[in-house]
Amino acid sequence: MVRLTRIYTRSGDKGKTSLGDGRRIVKHDLRVEAYGTIDEANAIIGLARLQTAHAPAVDAMLRRIQNDLFDLGADLCVPAGPDAAAGLRIVQPQIDRLEQEIDAMNAALAPLASFILPGGTAGAAHLHFGRTVVRRAERLICRLAEVETVNPLAVAYVNRLSDHLFVLARHMNKDEGGDILWVPGETRQIVND
C-alpha cells in the first residue's frame, strides 16, 4: 500500500519527474503524457460516477475501472523490458473482465443502425468524454510503444476500455430515451425559421 505523508516534494520544480524505476525525465516526455492522459480519463470516470447512485452495478464497474487505471499508470511509469524492475502490470484477466461486461451489456441493447452522437444522460455524456480521452491515451501509448518497450496488454486494455465506455454509455441511455443518432447531412441545407 502506498503511504503519502507529504504531498509536495519540490523535486519537479525544474520540469522533471521520476519514473517508477527512479529515472528522472522531463515532464513532457511521451511516457508521462501517456500516463498523465490515463489519469485524466480516470478523473472523468470519477465525474461519471456522480451519476450512478441509482445503478450500483454500473458504479461497481466504474470503480473497478478506476482501480485498473491506477494499475495502468503504474505499468506505464515503470518501463518494461528485460532489464526493468518488475512492477505492477496490466494482466489478461483485467481485459477479459472488460470483454465479459461489454458482452453482457451489449446483449441487452438494440443493434446500432447509425453512429451515435455523444450525449444523452449526464452519466452517458461523461462516459463518452472519458472514451475520447482513453482513445487519446491509446494513441500516446502506441506512439510510446514505437520507441520504447511497453506491456502489450496495456495497449489491449485501453483499446477494450474505450469500447466498454461506449457500450456503458449506451446502456445508461437505454432507459432514458435511448441514444442520439447521427443524421448524415442533416444540417447541409439552410433552414429559415
Protein backbone atom coordinates (compact mmCIF):
# COMPACT_ATOMS: atom_id res chain seq x y z
CA MET A 1 0.00 0.00 0.00
CA VAL A 2 1.19 3.50 -0.78
CA ARG A 3 1.64 5.86 2.12
CA LEU A 4 1.96 9.57 1.42
CA THR A 5 2.93 11.75 4.33
CA ARG A 6 3.97 14.74 2.26
CA ILE A 7 2.22 15.89 -0.91
CA TYR A 8 4.82 18.26 -2.34
CA THR A 9 8.48 17.36 -2.75
CA ARG A 10 9.78 20.30 -4.83
CA SER A 11 11.65 17.73 -6.94
CA GLY A 12 9.58 18.63 -10.01
CA ASP A 13 10.06 22.37 -9.82
CA LYS A 14 12.55 22.35 -12.70
CA GLY A 15 10.35 20.42 -15.13
CA LYS A 16 11.47 16.87 -14.39
CA THR A 17 9.74 13.96 -12.72
CA SER A 18 10.72 10.49 -11.54
CA LEU A 19 9.58 7.27 -13.15
CA GLY A 20 8.79 4.24 -11.04
CA ASP A 21 12.33 2.93 -11.60
CA GLY A 22 13.83 6.17 -10.23
CA ARG A 23 14.96 7.56 -13.58
CA ARG A 24 14.37 11.32 -13.95
CA ILE A 25 12.77 12.53 -17.19
CA VAL A 26 11.20 15.74 -18.46
CA LYS A 27 7.54 16.17 -17.62
CA HIS A 28 6.61 16.46 -21.30
CA ASP A 29 8.14 13.05 -22.12
CA LEU A 30 5.83 10.82 -24.16
CA ARG A 31 5.66 8.30 -21.29
CA VAL A 32 4.48 11.00 -18.87
CA GLU A 33 1.97 12.23 -21.47
CA ALA A 34 0.61 8.68 -21.74
CA TYR A 35 0.10 8.01 -18.06
CA GLY A 36 -1.00 11.59 -17.45
CA THR A 37 -3.75 11.09 -20.01
CA ILE A 38 -4.76 7.88 -18.22
CA ASP A 39 -5.05 9.96 -15.04
CA GLU A 40 -7.24 12.45 -16.92
CA ALA A 41 -9.53 9.64 -18.08
CA ASN A 42 -9.75 8.36 -14.52
CA ALA A 43 -10.89 11.79 -13.30
CA ILE A 44 -13.61 11.89 -15.96
CA ILE A 45 -14.81 8.45 -14.90
CA GLY A 46 -14.97 9.85 -11.37
CA LEU A 47 -17.34 12.51 -12.71
CA ALA A 48 -19.44 9.85 -14.42
CA ARG A 49 -19.74 8.01 -11.11
CA LEU A 50 -21.60 11.02 -9.70
CA GLN A 51 -24.47 9.87 -11.95
CA THR A 52 -24.52 6.19 -10.92
CA ALA A 53 -26.14 6.27 -7.44
CA HIS A 54 -29.26 4.68 -8.95
CA ALA A 55 -27.19 1.96 -10.68
CA PRO A 56 -24.92 0.13 -8.20
CA ALA A 57 -23.79 -2.44 -10.80
CA VAL A 58 -22.65 0.36 -13.14
CA ASP A 59 -20.91 2.14 -10.27
CA ALA A 60 -19.10 -1.08 -9.34
CA MET A 61 -17.86 -1.49 -12.92
CA LEU A 62 -16.56 2.08 -12.95
CA ARG A 63 -14.89 1.64 -9.54
CA ARG A 64 -13.05 -1.44 -10.86
CA ILE A 65 -12.03 0.50 -13.97
CA GLN A 66 -10.70 3.36 -11.86
CA ASN A 67 -8.55 0.89 -9.93
CA ASP A 68 -7.40 -0.65 -13.23
CA LEU A 69 -6.40 2.79 -14.47
CA PHE A 70 -4.15 3.26 -11.45
CA ASP A 71 -2.63 -0.16 -12.27
CA LEU A 72 -2.16 1.03 -15.85
CA GLY A 73 -0.49 4.24 -14.68
CA ALA A 74 1.85 2.16 -12.52
CA ASP A 75 2.53 -0.11 -15.51
CA LEU A 76 3.41 2.83 -17.73
CA CYS A 77 5.58 4.66 -15.18
CA VAL A 78 7.96 1.68 -14.88
CA PRO A 79 9.47 1.00 -18.31
CA ALA A 80 9.02 -2.60 -19.43
CA GLY A 81 11.80 -4.76 -20.77
CA PRO A 82 14.27 -7.43 -19.73
CA ASP A 83 16.30 -5.07 -17.51
CA ALA A 84 13.33 -3.27 -15.98
CA ALA A 85 12.40 -3.83 -12.39
CA ALA A 86 9.29 -5.91 -12.01
CA GLY A 87 6.35 -3.64 -11.50
CA LEU A 88 2.62 -3.71 -11.41
CA ARG A 89 1.46 -4.67 -14.91
CA ILE A 90 -1.90 -4.93 -16.64
CA VAL A 91 -2.77 -8.62 -16.98
CA GLN A 92 -5.10 -10.57 -19.27
CA PRO A 93 -7.85 -11.14 -16.63
CA GLN A 94 -8.42 -7.37 -16.47
CA ILE A 95 -9.04 -7.33 -20.22
CA ASP A 96 -11.19 -10.46 -20.02
CA ARG A 97 -13.38 -8.82 -17.38
CA LEU A 98 -13.96 -5.80 -19.64
CA GLU A 99 -14.91 -8.09 -22.52
CA GLN A 100 -17.35 -10.05 -20.36
CA GLU A 101 -19.00 -6.84 -19.17
CA ILE A 102 -19.19 -5.48 -22.73
CA ASP A 103 -20.83 -8.69 -23.96
CA ALA A 104 -23.36 -8.74 -21.10
CA MET A 105 -24.37 -5.09 -21.61
CA ASN A 106 -24.41 -5.32 -25.40
CA ALA A 107 -26.74 -8.34 -25.31
CA ALA A 108 -29.44 -6.12 -23.81
CA LEU A 109 -29.00 -3.29 -26.37
CA ALA A 110 -30.58 -2.88 -29.77
CA PRO A 111 -28.07 -3.22 -32.61
CA LEU A 112 -26.75 0.08 -33.93
CA ALA A 113 -28.13 1.21 -37.29
CA SER A 114 -26.28 4.54 -37.22
CA PHE A 115 -23.38 6.20 -35.49
CA ILE A 116 -24.42 7.89 -32.27
CA LEU A 117 -23.71 11.37 -31.04
CA PRO A 118 -22.01 11.66 -27.65
CA GLY A 119 -24.62 12.63 -25.08
CA GLY A 120 -27.93 11.56 -23.68
CA THR A 121 -27.91 11.33 -19.90
CA ALA A 122 -25.31 13.21 -17.87
CA GLY A 123 -23.62 9.92 -16.97
CA ALA A 124 -23.51 8.79 -20.60
CA ALA A 125 -22.11 12.14 -21.71
CA HIS A 126 -19.30 11.84 -19.15
CA LEU A 127 -18.59 8.28 -20.33
CA HIS A 128 -18.39 9.44 -23.96
CA PHE A 129 -15.99 12.17 -22.85
CA GLY A 130 -13.94 9.59 -20.96
CA ARG A 131 -13.96 7.32 -24.02
CA THR A 132 -12.40 10.03 -26.18
CA VAL A 133 -9.68 10.66 -23.60
CA VAL A 134 -8.99 6.91 -23.39
CA ARG A 135 -8.63 6.89 -27.20
CA ARG A 136 -6.11 9.75 -26.93
CA ALA A 137 -4.23 7.79 -24.26
CA GLU A 138 -4.25 4.77 -26.56
CA ARG A 139 -2.68 6.82 -29.36
CA LEU A 140 0.00 8.08 -26.97
CA ILE A 141 0.74 4.58 -25.64
CA CYS A 142 1.01 3.25 -29.20
CA ARG A 143 3.44 6.06 -30.08
CA LEU A 144 5.44 5.24 -26.95
CA ALA A 145 5.49 1.55 -27.94
CA GLU A 146 7.16 2.53 -31.22
CA VAL A 147 10.19 3.92 -29.39
CA GLU A 148 10.25 2.04 -26.06
CA THR A 149 9.13 -1.33 -24.77
CA VAL A 150 5.56 -1.21 -23.48
CA ASN A 151 3.48 -4.00 -21.99
CA PRO A 152 1.32 -5.10 -24.98
CA LEU A 153 -1.54 -5.82 -22.59
CA ALA A 154 -1.55 -2.13 -21.66
CA VAL A 155 -2.41 -1.31 -25.28
CA ALA A 156 -5.06 -4.04 -25.39
CA TYR A 157 -6.60 -2.80 -22.13
CA VAL A 158 -7.09 0.79 -23.30
CA ASN A 159 -8.45 -0.42 -26.62
CA ARG A 160 -11.03 -2.56 -24.85
CA LEU A 161 -11.76 0.15 -22.28
CA SER A 162 -12.85 2.64 -24.92
CA ASP A 163 -15.26 0.00 -26.27
CA HIS A 164 -16.50 -0.65 -22.73
CA LEU A 165 -17.18 3.04 -22.07
CA PHE A 166 -19.04 3.32 -25.39
CA VAL A 167 -21.30 0.36 -24.59
CA LEU A 168 -21.76 1.50 -21.00
CA ALA A 169 -22.85 4.96 -22.22
CA ARG A 170 -25.42 3.26 -24.47
CA HIS A 171 -26.52 1.13 -21.52
CA MET A 172 -27.02 4.24 -19.36
CA ASN A 173 -29.06 5.89 -22.13
CA LYS A 174 -31.21 2.81 -22.76
CA ASP A 175 -33.86 3.59 -20.15
CA GLU A 176 -33.65 7.37 -20.56
CA GLY A 177 -34.77 7.84 -24.15
CA GLY A 178 -32.03 5.98 -25.96
CA ASP A 179 -29.05 7.06 -27.99
CA ILE A 180 -28.91 10.25 -30.02
CA LEU A 181 -28.41 9.10 -33.59
CA TRP A 182 -26.25 10.85 -36.15
CA VAL A 183 -28.28 12.02 -39.14
CA PRO A 184 -25.83 12.32 -42.04
CA GLY A 185 -26.10 15.65 -43.83
CA GLU A 186 -28.89 16.88 -41.56
CA THR A 187 -27.58 20.46 -41.46
CA ARG A 188 -26.37 20.81 -45.04
CA GLN A 189 -29.29 22.95 -46.15
CA ILE A 190 -30.04 26.38 -44.75
CA VAL A 191 -33.31 26.42 -42.93
CA ASN A 192 -35.14 29.72 -42.42
CA ASP A 193 -37.48 29.79 -39.47
